Every structure is written in structure tokens, then in C-alpha cells.
Amino acid sequence: MTEPVLEVKKLCKSFGALVANKDVSFDLREGEIHALIGPNGAGKSTLIKQIAGGMTPDSGQVFFLGQDVTNVRTAQRARMGLARTFQVSALAMEYTVLQNVVLGALGARGDVFRFLKPALKDKELLGIAYEALERVGLEDSAAKITAEISHGQRRELEVAVALTLRPKAFLMDEPMAGLGTSSSKGLTRFLDNLRAQAPILLVEHDMDAVFSLADRISVLVYGELIITGTADEIRADREVRHAYLGEEEET
């Protein structure tokens, strides 16, 4: 078996008496979608922040591309190819679709203090931006103001911005949030194809999407990982059905 792209080993994080994560271990492998699910308050957001670099664990380690990145800052992890999309969009809504992707390319190149207007004349940056837009099917929307495109297209735009990092792995935090049934199905197909670009760690509450997409699913409950398995194994597990899936069925 090849070395995991991303590996989490015994991560622990507490806030006073509250244990957010306790000895959490799992990995993300090349070409797969690994879903992380759990009820609200299970510790998913805290875990993702530690993986992305926005929060330092109390103990445990995070490995990316075989390197220990536990104490590496978020921006450096991103430049290494760990790309993150957020539940709440981080896009600049007043900018055009193209401008958002050029901003991403600027950050990927480390030119965080460079002004956007001159950057829009940089042939290298424009080439990177248009390539990313073509990959997500938004090249015809490059001149549109981001606030005017659909919610689903904004999710695709977030991926285009992430693609400027030449990602080796994606961290996706509830990409289906706020989408209707039709848009969710479209994004599901999109993510299914995206795994060929880089593996995806997917945090998601849309169980139809999770069971459709995930090669493996890890279930987090009260900060602890109770099981990792295939969709069929997760569906059949009594503890999961009681702790999480049963709650979904009742709502």
C-alpha cells in the first residue's frame, strides 16, 4: 500500500474541561474521498482546523505528503498543496469570477501584498486562473460578478481558487450546505470527478452525498472516532445508527 497523502495520528484537543478531540487517527489515500461525519458538536470543525493548521493540537501529529506538519502554519500547508474550502464562502462577492481565482493564484505564488489590478495583466497568473476555471466549467462566467452567480457555481468557484494551489489534497467543509436537491446532485457529480485531481477529505451532513461519494467514512461522536469503514459497513453499524444516522432519520 502506498503512503497516505494525509495522516492524522492520535490528535487530542481540549478547551478546559471540554474534550473536543480524543486520540483521533485516520488517513486519506490517493484517489479517494474520505468522508468525516458526526452529529453537531462532535468535534469535526476543531479537527479540520488542526489538520489545516489553524489550531495546534494538545498532542498527536498531522502528516502531509509524508512530512510532519503538526507545527506548520496554514499558509505553508496550503503552499504544499493542502487546499481547503469552507462551509461559509470566503469568496470576494464584489469581484468577478476571474478576479477571485487570480487572487487565489497570487496567494499560491506568495504574492500576498501585490495589488490585484496589476496582477490581472500578469500572463502567468491569468493562465493559471483560466486553466482552473476551465477545469470546473466556469470559463464562460469569468467576467461575471461573483454575487450574481448561483450558489452551486460559487462552490465550483471555490474549488477553482483551490486548484491554483496545484493541490495534493482537498479539505472540504460542508460543500453541500445551502444547496437545493438539484444543485447538490450536480455538485456530487463534480466532486466525484474531482477526486482524480486530488483526494478529498469531506465533512458533510448530506448523507445522500456522503454515501454516494465516499470510499471510506469515519464517524466522530463526542470527539472520538468510533468507526471507519465503507458506506455499507457504516450503514450496518448499530452504534453509528444510534449515535448519528438514527438522529438524521428522526429530523
Foldseek 3Di string as FASTA:
>chain_A
DDDFQKWWAQFWAADVPATLAGGDTDTFHALFEEEEEADPSLNPVVVVCQQLAVDATPDTFMDGRRHTCNNPHNLVVLLVAEFEAEPDHPFDQQAFLLLRLLQLLCSNVVVNVDDSVVSVVVPVSSVLLLVLCVLLVCNVRRGPRNNPDDLLVSLSSSVSSSCSSLHQEYEYAASCPPPDPVSLVVVLVSVQVCSNSHYYYHYHDPVVSCLVGGQKYWYGGSNYTPDIGHSVVLVPDPVNCVRPVVVVVVD
